[in-house]
Structures are given as structure tokens and as C-alpha cells.
């Protein structure tokens, strides 16, 4: 069946099907993870039923394997594009058309397994050569979804994990209704909208929070009945909280890694708790 879902939400939360939490990985962890994931294919391609779909409307193991081979090559090409062009737009990739044009069902399983290993090793080696500065270079998919090199490789890794799950744990049992279709719901519309427009929304949040921080610094009246320590805490904890929220918005907009965003968010909560404690004392 044609794939119509937008899977970019896997960069922000754990996939409930395959269990991958690709967005939590740093770029330096991706090459080893890719090398691990590609090892599954030469093994599963030894099955006797690799050319038989497990249920109507599903790909066979061989078709999934050929798709993984092509995905590795597509993402290798996209990585090259981001490294050599300024804010490129990626060429589209239609997996269903590629399956038909590439004759996935007629391919030799052992050859496909060897091609996956070669393509995966080539990509992993190229990712190892990406510098910290290059990791934040960006490209845009044809549908408008933006990726840094880091999030692009995170997205690829989820693809590898999920398709390995598709041909192992994700295969339907023989006693299941063959017509049943597993359909994992995507994120709520508001969350999908926020992710798609994260740069604009993050920048606006950062500007608004920074404006509130400055307004509090210059416009808030002093606490007349407070001692100097309490007054200093009350006066500076609130703008500090807003400044941290501004930083969190900027980090979200520019896809700074999750660990940094978490530290800033916890620091903002701590500032607010300090403020509340000072006001209650």
C-alpha cells in the first residue's frame, strides 16, 4: 500500500512500534548504529519465504531489503548535497515507484544483502567525516520539512530500525486476519503543525520571552518591604526564567540537540521555583 504518513515526528518522540528513539542520538553515535542495523539483512534474506509478502498489501522481506538499500543510497546523496550546497532542496524519492521500477521482487536476495552492507558502510564512513560545525548544515525536503545533517541521519536511523522491525517483530502472525491493517496514529495536528513550523515558532517564542525578560528588568518596581537578598532574588529570578525560555525557544528553532534543550528547560523551572520560594518567605 502507498505510504502517505509524515514520519518526522519520530525525531521528537519514541516510535511506539519499533521502539526507536532516534532523536536522542548524537551524530557521533550514528555510524556505529548504522553498521549494527545493516547486519540484520544478510541474515533475514536467507529465509525461504523472502519473496512472499506476509500479508496482502505488504512488502516481502526482499522488497523491504531492496528499499533499505535504496534509502541508504538516497540519504548518502542527500548528505553530499547538504555538504556541498547552501540550503538545498532534496530531490523527491517515491519508494513505491522505486519498487516497481527497480523490480524488487525479481532481485537476488544475497546480492541485495551485500549491497546493503556496502551502502551502509559507505554512509557510516562519510558521517564519521562530518565536523561539529557541518552537523548543523541544513536541507529541505520537497514537502517543506527541514533537516540538519544530525536530524537527517537520525531520521535515517529510525528508518533502518523500523524496517528491521517490519521483517521481524512487525510481521503479522499466521492466525491474524490477513485483511487487518496496523496503523499507528501520527502526532496530533497541533503537534504536527508545531514541528513543521518549528523554526518560525521557536524564533517568535524566543523574541517574546526575551522582551518579557527585559521588560521585567527595567519596568518592575522594587520590593519595598523586602531585604536586599530577597529583593535581588525576586528581581532577577523572573527575567532569568524568561531569558532561559527565550534560549529554549531558539534551541528548538535551530534543532539544538535534545540534551541541551533539557538542561535549559530544567534551569528555567528552577528559576521559577526560586522566585516562588522567595515570594512565599
C-alpha atoms as a PDB file:
ATOM      1  CA  UNK A   1       0.000   0.000   0.000  1.00  0.00           C
ATOM      2  CA  UNK A   2       1.293   3.522  -0.743  1.00  0.00           C
ATOM      3  CA  UNK A   3       2.943   5.275   2.225  1.00  0.00           C
ATOM      4  CA  UNK A   4       1.292   8.621   2.962  1.00  0.00           C
ATOM      5  CA  UNK A   5       2.338   9.335   6.560  1.00  0.00           C
ATOM      6  CA  UNK A   6       4.690  12.096   7.654  1.00  0.00           C
ATOM      7  CA  UNK A   7       7.197  10.324   9.898  1.00  0.00           C
ATOM      8  CA  UNK A   8       9.176  13.386  11.015  1.00  0.00           C
ATOM      9  CA  UNK A   9       7.560  13.091  14.464  1.00  0.00           C
ATOM     10  CA  UNK A  10       9.997  10.236  15.206  1.00  0.00           C
ATOM     11  CA  UNK A  11      12.665  12.909  15.733  1.00  0.00           C
ATOM     12  CA  UNK A  12      10.802  14.163  18.811  1.00  0.00           C
ATOM     13  CA  UNK A  13       9.477  11.016  20.467  1.00  0.00           C
ATOM     14  CA  UNK A  14       9.916   7.273  20.690  1.00  0.00           C
ATOM     15  CA  UNK A  15       8.366   5.224  17.917  1.00  0.00           C
ATOM     16  CA  UNK A  16       5.661   3.071  19.558  1.00  0.00           C
ATOM     17  CA  UNK A  17       6.096   0.281  17.010  1.00  0.00           C
ATOM     18  CA  UNK A  18       9.821  -0.355  16.603  1.00  0.00           C
ATOM     19  CA  UNK A  19      10.832   1.330  19.882  1.00  0.00           C
ATOM     20  CA  UNK A  20      13.496   3.543  18.276  1.00  0.00           C
ATOM     21  CA  UNK A  21      14.201   6.894  19.925  1.00  0.00           C
ATOM     22  CA  UNK A  22      16.403   8.167  17.125  1.00  0.00           C
ATOM     23  CA  UNK A  23      16.124  11.835  18.096  1.00  0.00           C
ATOM     24  CA  UNK A  24      18.036  11.162  21.311  1.00  0.00           C
ATOM     25  CA  UNK A  25      21.191  10.082  19.454  1.00  0.00           C
ATOM     26  CA  UNK A  26      24.117  12.382  18.770  1.00  0.00           C
ATOM     27  CA  UNK A  27      25.653  12.420  15.316  1.00  0.00           C
ATOM     28  CA  UNK A  28      28.792  10.691  16.601  1.00  0.00           C
ATOM     29  CA  UNK A  29      26.666   7.690  17.602  1.00  0.00           C
ATOM     30  CA  UNK A  30      25.036   7.294  14.191  1.00  0.00           C
ATOM     31  CA  UNK A  31      27.832   5.477  12.268  1.00  0.00           C
ATOM     32  CA  UNK A  32      28.061   2.625  14.778  1.00  0.00           C
ATOM     33  CA  UNK A  33      24.267   2.375  14.913  1.00  0.00           C
ATOM     34  CA  UNK A  34      24.048   2.183  11.106  1.00  0.00           C
ATOM     35  CA  UNK A  35      26.712  -0.528  10.991  1.00  0.00           C
ATOM     36  CA  UNK A  36      24.777  -2.511  13.594  1.00  0.00           C
ATOM     37  CA  UNK A  37      21.425  -2.203  11.823  1.00  0.00           C
ATOM     38  CA  UNK A  38      22.618  -3.282   8.392  1.00  0.00           C
ATOM     39  CA  UNK A  39      23.857  -6.609   9.768  1.00  0.00           C
ATOM     40  CA  UNK A  40      20.292  -7.906  10.090  1.00  0.00           C
ATOM     41  CA  UNK A  41      19.642  -8.015   6.346  1.00  0.00           C
ATOM     42  CA  UNK A  42      22.076 -10.711   5.136  1.00  0.00           C
ATOM     43  CA  UNK A  43      20.602 -12.887   7.897  1.00  0.00           C
ATOM     44  CA  UNK A  44      16.876 -12.381   7.211  1.00  0.00           C
ATOM     45  CA  UNK A  45      17.479 -12.675   3.469  1.00  0.00           C
ATOM     46  CA  UNK A  46      18.421 -16.332   3.998  1.00  0.00           C
ATOM     47  CA  UNK A  47      14.782 -17.148   4.740  1.00  0.00           C
ATOM     48  CA  UNK A  48      12.974 -19.387   2.316  1.00  0.00           C
ATOM     49  CA  UNK A  49       9.977 -17.043   2.175  1.00  0.00           C
ATOM     50  CA  UNK A  50      11.844 -13.789   1.402  1.00  0.00           C
ATOM     51  CA  UNK A  51       9.894 -13.266  -1.815  1.00  0.00           C
ATOM     52  CA  UNK A  52       6.471 -13.907  -0.258  1.00  0.00           C
ATOM     53  CA  UNK A  53       4.579 -10.998   1.328  1.00  0.00           C
ATOM     54  CA  UNK A  54       3.443 -11.906   4.876  1.00  0.00           C
ATOM     55  CA  UNK A  55       0.001 -10.390   4.195  1.00  0.00           C
ATOM     56  CA  UNK A  56      -1.834  -8.743   1.292  1.00  0.00           C
ATOM     57  CA  UNK A  57      -0.747  -5.177   0.687  1.00  0.00           C
ATOM     58  CA  UNK A  58       2.607  -5.647   2.460  1.00  0.00           C
ATOM     59  CA  UNK A  59       6.108  -5.867   1.041  1.00  0.00           C
ATOM     60  CA  UNK A  60       8.039  -9.108   1.193  1.00  0.00           C
ATOM     61  CA  UNK A  61      11.315  -9.300   3.107  1.00  0.00           C
ATOM     62  CA  UNK A  62      13.202  -8.980  -0.186  1.00  0.00           C
ATOM     63  CA  UNK A  63      11.261  -5.848  -1.124  1.00  0.00           C
ATOM     64  CA  UNK A  64      11.945  -4.278   2.283  1.00  0.00           C
ATOM     65  CA  UNK A  65      15.623  -5.114   1.880  1.00  0.00           C
ATOM     66  CA  UNK A  66      15.825  -3.511  -1.567  1.00  0.00           C
ATOM     67  CA  UNK A  67      14.052  -0.460  -0.158  1.00  0.00           C
ATOM     68  CA  UNK A  68      16.608  -0.210   2.672  1.00  0.00           C
ATOM     69  CA  UNK A  69      19.430  -0.416   0.115  1.00  0.00           C
ATOM     70  CA  UNK A  70      17.888   2.433  -1.889  1.00  0.00           C
ATOM     71  CA  UNK A  71      17.199   4.511   1.250  1.00  0.00           C
ATOM     72  CA  UNK A  72      20.858   4.265   2.258  1.00  0.00           C
ATOM     73  CA  UNK A  73      21.883   5.496  -1.197  1.00  0.00           C
ATOM     74  CA  UNK A  74      19.293   8.309  -1.151  1.00  0.00           C
ATOM     75  CA  UNK A  75      20.428   9.568   2.245  1.00  0.00           C
ATOM     76  CA  UNK A  76      24.070   9.320   1.184  1.00  0.00           C
ATOM     77  CA  UNK A  77      23.220  11.547  -1.778  1.00  0.00           C
ATOM     78  CA  UNK A  78      21.309  13.962   0.480  1.00  0.00           C
ATOM     79  CA  UNK A  79      24.257  14.157   2.848  1.00  0.00           C
ATOM     80  CA  UNK A  80      26.507  15.053  -0.089  1.00  0.00           C
ATOM     81  CA  UNK A  81      24.019  17.696  -1.209  1.00  0.00           C
ATOM     82  CA  UNK A  82      23.894  19.359   2.217  1.00  0.00           C
ATOM     83  CA  UNK A  83      27.695  19.363   2.457  1.00  0.00           C
ATOM     84  CA  UNK A  84      28.205  20.876  -0.988  1.00  0.00           C
ATOM     85  CA  UNK A  85      25.236  23.234  -1.473  1.00  0.00           C
ATOM     86  CA  UNK A  86      23.675  26.057   0.556  1.00  0.00           C
ATOM     87  CA  UNK A  87      20.225  25.181   1.958  1.00  0.00           C
ATOM     88  CA  UNK A  88      19.440  22.635  -0.775  1.00  0.00           C
ATOM     89  CA  UNK A  89      16.039  21.143  -1.535  1.00  0.00           C
ATOM     90  CA  UNK A  90      16.271  17.365  -1.763  1.00  0.00           C
ATOM     91  CA  UNK A  91      15.124  15.511  -4.835  1.00  0.00           C
ATOM     92  CA  UNK A  92      11.958  13.561  -4.172  1.00  0.00           C
ATOM     93  CA  UNK A  93      12.032   9.821  -3.533  1.00  0.00           C
ATOM     94  CA  UNK A  94       8.941   7.705  -4.189  1.00  0.00           C
ATOM     95  CA  UNK A  95       9.529   4.290  -2.581  1.00  0.00           C
ATOM     96  CA  UNK A  96       6.593   2.679  -4.342  1.00  0.00           C
ATOM     97  CA  UNK A  97       7.736   3.861  -7.760  1.00  0.00           C
ATOM     98  CA  UNK A  98      11.292   2.759  -6.936  1.00  0.00           C
ATOM     99  CA  UNK A  99       9.992  -0.718  -6.033  1.00  0.00           C
ATOM    100  CA  UNK A 100       8.235  -1.068  -9.385  1.00  0.00           C
ATOM    101  CA  UNK A 101      10.997   0.450 -11.484  1.00  0.00           C
ATOM    102  CA  UNK A 102      13.710  -1.472  -9.657  1.00  0.00           C
ATOM    103  CA  UNK A 103      11.951  -4.826  -9.961  1.00  0.00           C
ATOM    104  CA  UNK A 104      12.386  -5.504  -6.239  1.00  0.00           C
ATOM    105  CA  UNK A 105      10.572  -8.847  -6.424  1.00  0.00           C
ATOM    106  CA  UNK A 106      12.972 -10.264  -9.022  1.00  0.00           C
ATOM    107  CA  UNK A 107      16.228  -9.329  -7.295  1.00  0.00           C
ATOM    108  CA  UNK A 108      18.717 -11.834  -5.908  1.00  0.00           C
ATOM    109  CA  UNK A 109      18.500 -11.808  -2.068  1.00  0.00           C
ATOM    110  CA  UNK A 110      22.217 -12.419  -1.485  1.00  0.00           C
ATOM    111  CA  UNK A 111      23.165  -9.638  -3.880  1.00  0.00           C
ATOM    112  CA  UNK A 112      20.813  -7.207  -2.145  1.00  0.00           C
ATOM    113  CA  UNK A 113      22.250  -8.173   1.260  1.00  0.00           C
ATOM    114  CA  UNK A 114      25.783  -7.439   0.041  1.00  0.00           C
ATOM    115  CA  UNK A 115      24.640  -4.124  -1.472  1.00  0.00           C
ATOM    116  CA  UNK A 116      23.100  -3.082   1.873  1.00  0.00           C
ATOM    117  CA  UNK A 117      26.357  -3.793   3.684  1.00  0.00           C
ATOM    118  CA  UNK A 118      28.361  -1.803   1.132  1.00  0.00           C
ATOM    119  CA  UNK A 119      25.957   1.165   1.066  1.00  0.00           C
ATOM    120  CA  UNK A 120      25.658   1.233   4.862  1.00  0.00           C
ATOM    121  CA  UNK A 121      29.408   1.117   5.407  1.00  0.00           C
ATOM    122  CA  UNK A 122      29.961   3.877   2.840  1.00  0.00           C
ATOM    123  CA  UNK A 123      27.388   6.122   4.500  1.00  0.00           C
ATOM    124  CA  UNK A 124      28.671   5.414   8.021  1.00  0.00           C
ATOM    125  CA  UNK A 125      32.212   6.329   6.960  1.00  0.00           C
ATOM    126  CA  UNK A 126      31.001   9.576   5.389  1.00  0.00           C
ATOM    127  CA  UNK A 127      29.058  10.529   8.521  1.00  0.00           C
ATOM    128  CA  UNK A 128      32.218   9.982  10.581  1.00  0.00           C
ATOM    129  CA  UNK A 129      33.869  12.687   8.487  1.00  0.00           C
ATOM    130  CA  UNK A 130      31.236  15.324   9.297  1.00  0.00           C
ATOM    131  CA  UNK A 131      32.576  18.014  11.634  1.00  0.00           C
ATOM    132  CA  UNK A 132      30.677  19.568  14.534  1.00  0.00           C
ATOM    133  CA  UNK A 133      30.161  22.753  12.518  1.00  0.00           C
ATOM    134  CA  UNK A 134      28.878  20.840   9.492  1.00  0.00           C
ATOM    135  CA  UNK A 135      26.415  18.893  11.642  1.00  0.00           C
ATOM    136  CA  UNK A 136      24.124  21.945  11.743  1.00  0.00           C
ATOM    137  CA  UNK A 137      24.046  22.471   7.971  1.00  0.00           C
ATOM    138  CA  UNK A 138      20.512  22.254   6.622  1.00  0.00           C
ATOM    139  CA  UNK A 139      18.494  20.887   3.754  1.00  0.00           C
ATOM    140  CA  UNK A 140      14.780  20.863   2.995  1.00  0.00           C
ATOM    141  CA  UNK A 141      12.633  18.005   1.798  1.00  0.00           C
ATOM    142  CA  UNK A 142      10.263  18.608  -1.115  1.00  0.00           C
ATOM    143  CA  UNK A 143       7.295  18.805   1.303  1.00  0.00           C
ATOM    144  CA  UNK A 144       8.944  21.618   3.293  1.00  0.00           C
ATOM    145  CA  UNK A 145      10.306  19.557   6.209  1.00  0.00           C
ATOM    146  CA  UNK A 146      13.702  20.917   7.283  1.00  0.00           C
ATOM    147  CA  UNK A 147      16.626  18.774   8.431  1.00  0.00           C
ATOM    148  CA  UNK A 148      20.072  19.371   9.772  1.00  0.00           C
ATOM    149  CA  UNK A 149      22.679  16.735   8.986  1.00  0.00           C
ATOM    150  CA  UNK A 150      22.144  15.429  12.515  1.00  0.00           C
ATOM    151  CA  UNK A 151      18.355  15.142  12.250  1.00  0.00           C
ATOM    152  CA  UNK A 152      18.662  13.762   8.705  1.00  0.00           C
ATOM    153  CA  UNK A 153      20.822  10.910   9.963  1.00  0.00           C
ATOM    154  CA  UNK A 154      18.543  10.395  12.987  1.00  0.00           C
ATOM    155  CA  UNK A 155      15.615  10.087  10.596  1.00  0.00           C
ATOM    156  CA  UNK A 156      17.553   7.552   8.517  1.00  0.00           C
ATOM    157  CA  UNK A 157      18.398   5.506  11.586  1.00  0.00           C
ATOM    158  CA  UNK A 158      14.731   5.245  12.549  1.00  0.00           C
ATOM    159  CA  UNK A 159      14.037   4.034   9.001  1.00  0.00           C
ATOM    160  CA  UNK A 160      16.643   1.298   9.389  1.00  0.00           C
ATOM    161  CA  UNK A 161      15.380   0.196  12.800  1.00  0.00           C
ATOM    162  CA  UNK A 162      11.745   0.305  11.739  1.00  0.00           C
ATOM    163  CA  UNK A 163      12.253  -1.765   8.600  1.00  0.00           C
ATOM    164  CA  UNK A 164      14.241  -4.335  10.554  1.00  0.00           C
ATOM    165  CA  UNK A 165      11.239  -4.462  12.893  1.00  0.00           C
ATOM    166  CA  UNK A 166       8.926  -4.774   9.869  1.00  0.00           C
ATOM    167  CA  UNK A 167      10.564  -8.052   8.820  1.00  0.00           C
ATOM    168  CA  UNK A 168      10.908  -9.478  12.343  1.00  0.00           C
ATOM    169  CA  UNK A 169       8.595  -8.487  15.208  1.00  0.00           C
ATOM    170  CA  UNK A 170       6.339  -6.462  12.927  1.00  0.00           C
ATOM    171  CA  UNK A 171       5.359  -9.381  10.711  1.00  0.00           C
ATOM    172  CA  UNK A 172       1.713 -10.426  11.240  1.00  0.00           C
ATOM    173  CA  UNK A 173       1.054 -13.774  12.869  1.00  0.00           C
ATOM    174  CA  UNK A 174      -0.408 -16.517  10.724  1.00  0.00           C
ATOM    175  CA  UNK A 175      -3.614 -16.627  12.771  1.00  0.00           C
ATOM    176  CA  UNK A 176      -4.261 -12.898  12.412  1.00  0.00           C
ATOM    177  CA  UNK A 177      -6.856 -11.628   9.993  1.00  0.00           C
ATOM    178  CA  UNK A 178      -4.925 -11.072   6.786  1.00  0.00           C
ATOM    179  CA  UNK A 179      -7.007  -8.054   5.971  1.00  0.00           C
ATOM    180  CA  UNK A 180      -6.216  -6.330   9.265  1.00  0.00           C
ATOM    181  CA  UNK A 181      -4.019  -3.298   8.838  1.00  0.00           C
ATOM    182  CA  UNK A 182      -1.817  -1.929  11.568  1.00  0.00           C
ATOM    183  CA  UNK A 183      -1.988   1.842  11.563  1.00  0.00           C
ATOM    184  CA  UNK A 184      -0.058   3.752  14.206  1.00  0.00           C
ATOM    185  CA  UNK A 185      -1.561   7.216  14.622  1.00  0.00           C
ATOM    186  CA  UNK A 186       0.711  10.129  13.957  1.00  0.00           C
ATOM    187  CA  UNK A 187       1.065  13.085  16.299  1.00  0.00           C
ATOM    188  CA  UNK A 188      -1.933  15.364  16.985  1.00  0.00           C
ATOM    189  CA  UNK A 189      -2.495  18.082  14.351  1.00  0.00           C
ATOM    190  CA  UNK A 190      -1.256  20.851  16.649  1.00  0.00           C
ATOM    191  CA  UNK A 191       1.969  18.957  17.377  1.00  0.00           C
ATOM    192  CA  UNK A 192       2.483  18.215  13.691  1.00  0.00           C
ATOM    193  CA  UNK A 193       1.960  21.904  12.855  1.00  0.00           C
ATOM    194  CA  UNK A 194       4.419  22.980  15.564  1.00  0.00           C
ATOM    195  CA  UNK A 195       7.080  20.581  14.305  1.00  0.00           C
ATOM    196  CA  UNK A 196       6.636  21.638  10.685  1.00  0.00           C
ATOM    197  CA  UNK A 197       6.975  25.336  11.588  1.00  0.00           C
ATOM    198  CA  UNK A 198       9.374  24.933  14.489  1.00  0.00           C
ATOM    199  CA  UNK A 199      11.897  27.493  13.248  1.00  0.00           C
ATOM    200  CA  UNK A 200       9.405  30.353  12.956  1.00  0.00           C
ATOM    201  CA  UNK A 201       7.570  29.439  16.162  1.00  0.00           C
ATOM    202  CA  UNK A 202      10.809  28.966  18.090  1.00  0.00           C
ATOM    203  CA  UNK A 203      12.178  32.340  16.992  1.00  0.00           C
ATOM    204  CA  UNK A 204       8.914  34.098  17.866  1.00  0.00           C
ATOM    205  CA  UNK A 205       8.873  32.419  21.278  1.00  0.00           C
ATOM    206  CA  UNK A 206      12.490  33.420  21.851  1.00  0.00           C
ATOM    207  CA  UNK A 207      11.838  37.062  20.933  1.00  0.00           C
ATOM    208  CA  UNK A 208       8.685  37.282  23.054  1.00  0.00           C
ATOM    209  CA  UNK A 209      10.349  35.703  26.095  1.00  0.00           C
ATOM    210  CA  UNK A 210      13.415  37.927  25.769  1.00  0.00           C
ATOM    211  CA  UNK A 211      11.176  41.004  25.542  1.00  0.00           C
ATOM    212  CA  UNK A 212       9.397  39.959  28.749  1.00  0.00           C
ATOM    213  CA  UNK A 213      12.742  39.453  30.479  1.00  0.00           C
ATOM    214  CA  UNK A 214      13.927  42.941  29.524  1.00  0.00           C
ATOM    215  CA  UNK A 215      10.581  44.497  30.421  1.00  0.00           C
ATOM    216  CA  UNK A 216      10.717  42.982  33.902  1.00  0.00           C
ATOM    217  CA  UNK A 217      14.287  44.176  34.442  1.00  0.00           C
ATOM    218  CA  UNK A 218      13.530  47.785  33.517  1.00  0.00           C
ATOM    219  CA  UNK A 219       9.872  48.151  34.482  1.00  0.00           C
ATOM    220  CA  UNK A 220       9.251  46.028  37.573  1.00  0.00           C
ATOM    221  CA  UNK A 221       9.064  48.121  40.767  1.00  0.00           C
ATOM    222  CA  UNK A 222      11.409  47.178  43.631  1.00  0.00           C
ATOM    223  CA  UNK A 223      10.106  45.220  46.599  1.00  0.00           C
ATOM    224  CA  UNK A 224       9.853  47.935  49.222  1.00  0.00           C
ATOM    225  CA  UNK A 225       9.308  45.602  52.167  1.00  0.00           C
ATOM    226  CA  UNK A 226      11.943  43.057  51.204  1.00  0.00           C
ATOM    227  CA  UNK A 227      15.508  42.711  52.390  1.00  0.00           C
ATOM    228  CA  UNK A 228      18.348  43.118  49.877  1.00  0.00           C
ATOM    229  CA  UNK A 229      18.829  39.371  49.321  1.00  0.00           C
ATOM    230  CA  UNK A 230      15.126  38.645  48.857  1.00  0.00           C
ATOM    231  CA  UNK A 231      14.715  41.683  46.634  1.00  0.00           C
ATOM    232  CA  UNK A 232      17.611  40.585  44.421  1.00  0.00           C
ATOM    233  CA  UNK A 233      16.196  37.059  44.110  1.00  0.00           C
ATOM    234  CA  UNK A 234      12.694  38.304  43.250  1.00  0.00           C
ATOM    235  CA  UNK A 235      14.009  40.916  40.829  1.00  0.00           C
ATOM    236  CA  UNK A 236      16.379  38.669  38.860  1.00  0.00           C
ATOM    237  CA  UNK A 237      14.827  35.195  39.010  1.00  0.00           C
ATOM    238  CA  UNK A 238      11.837  36.169  36.848  1.00  0.00           C
ATOM    239  CA  UNK A 239      13.829  37.729  33.986  1.00  0.00           C
ATOM    240  CA  UNK A 240      16.290  34.865  34.341  1.00  0.00           C
ATOM    241  CA  UNK A 241      13.415  32.429  33.829  1.00  0.00           C
ATOM    242  CA  UNK A 242      12.184  34.317  30.748  1.00  0.00           C
ATOM    243  CA  UNK A 243      15.704  34.543  29.359  1.00  0.00           C
ATOM    244  CA  UNK A 244      16.083  30.775  29.687  1.00  0.00           C
ATOM    245  CA  UNK A 245      12.715  30.260  27.986  1.00  0.00           C
ATOM    246  CA  UNK A 246      13.978  32.512  25.184  1.00  0.00           C
ATOM    247  CA  UNK A 247      17.104  30.369  24.888  1.00  0.00           C
ATOM    248  CA  UNK A 248      14.990  27.192  24.855  1.00  0.00           C
ATOM    249  CA  UNK A 249      12.874  28.622  22.031  1.00  0.00           C
ATOM    250  CA  UNK A 250      15.972  29.434  19.997  1.00  0.00           C
ATOM    251  CA  UNK A 251      17.403  25.952  20.616  1.00  0.00           C
ATOM    252  CA  UNK A 252      14.132  24.369  19.490  1.00  0.00           C
ATOM    253  CA  UNK A 253      14.030  26.570  16.383  1.00  0.00           C
ATOM    254  CA  UNK A 254      17.544  25.659  15.340  1.00  0.00           C
ATOM    255  CA  UNK A 255      17.351  21.983  16.302  1.00  0.00           C
ATOM    256  CA  UNK A 256      19.988  22.090  19.045  1.00  0.00           C
ATOM    257  CA  UNK A 257      20.372  18.614  20.500  1.00  0.00           C
ATOM    258  CA  UNK A 258      17.801  17.418  22.994  1.00  0.00           C
ATOM    259  CA  UNK A 259      20.169  17.218  25.976  1.00  0.00           C
ATOM    260  CA  UNK A 260      20.981  20.949  25.759  1.00  0.00           C
ATOM    261  CA  UNK A 261      17.298  21.866  25.455  1.00  0.00           C
ATOM    262  CA  UNK A 262      16.503  19.747  28.520  1.00  0.00           C
ATOM    263  CA  UNK A 263      19.175  21.450  30.637  1.00  0.00           C
ATOM    264  CA  UNK A 264      17.857  24.905  29.701  1.00  0.00           C
ATOM    265  CA  UNK A 265      14.253  23.883  30.413  1.00  0.00           C
ATOM    266  CA  UNK A 266      15.162  22.478  33.851  1.00  0.00           C
ATOM    267  CA  UNK A 267      17.113  25.653  34.627  1.00  0.00           C
ATOM    268  CA  UNK A 268      14.053  27.765  33.749  1.00  0.00           C
ATOM    269  CA  UNK A 269      11.881  25.663  36.067  1.00  0.00           C
ATOM    270  CA  UNK A 270      14.484  26.043  38.824  1.00  0.00           C
ATOM    271  CA  UNK A 271      14.461  29.855  38.410  1.00  0.00           C
ATOM    272  CA  UNK A 272      10.691  29.924  38.688  1.00  0.00           C
ATOM    273  CA  UNK A 273      10.741  27.760  41.836  1.00  0.00           C
ATOM    274  CA  UNK A 274      13.357  30.072  43.375  1.00  0.00           C
ATOM    275  CA  UNK A 275      11.104  33.042  42.622  1.00  0.00           C
ATOM    276  CA  UNK A 276       8.062  31.374  44.165  1.00  0.00           C
ATOM    277  CA  UNK A 277      10.074  30.419  47.234  1.00  0.00           C
ATOM    278  CA  UNK A 278      11.319  33.992  47.681  1.00  0.00           C
ATOM    279  CA  UNK A 279       7.811  35.405  47.371  1.00  0.00           C
ATOM    280  CA  UNK A 280       6.373  32.975  49.907  1.00  0.00           C
ATOM    281  CA  UNK A 281       9.072  33.545  52.525  1.00  0.00           C
END
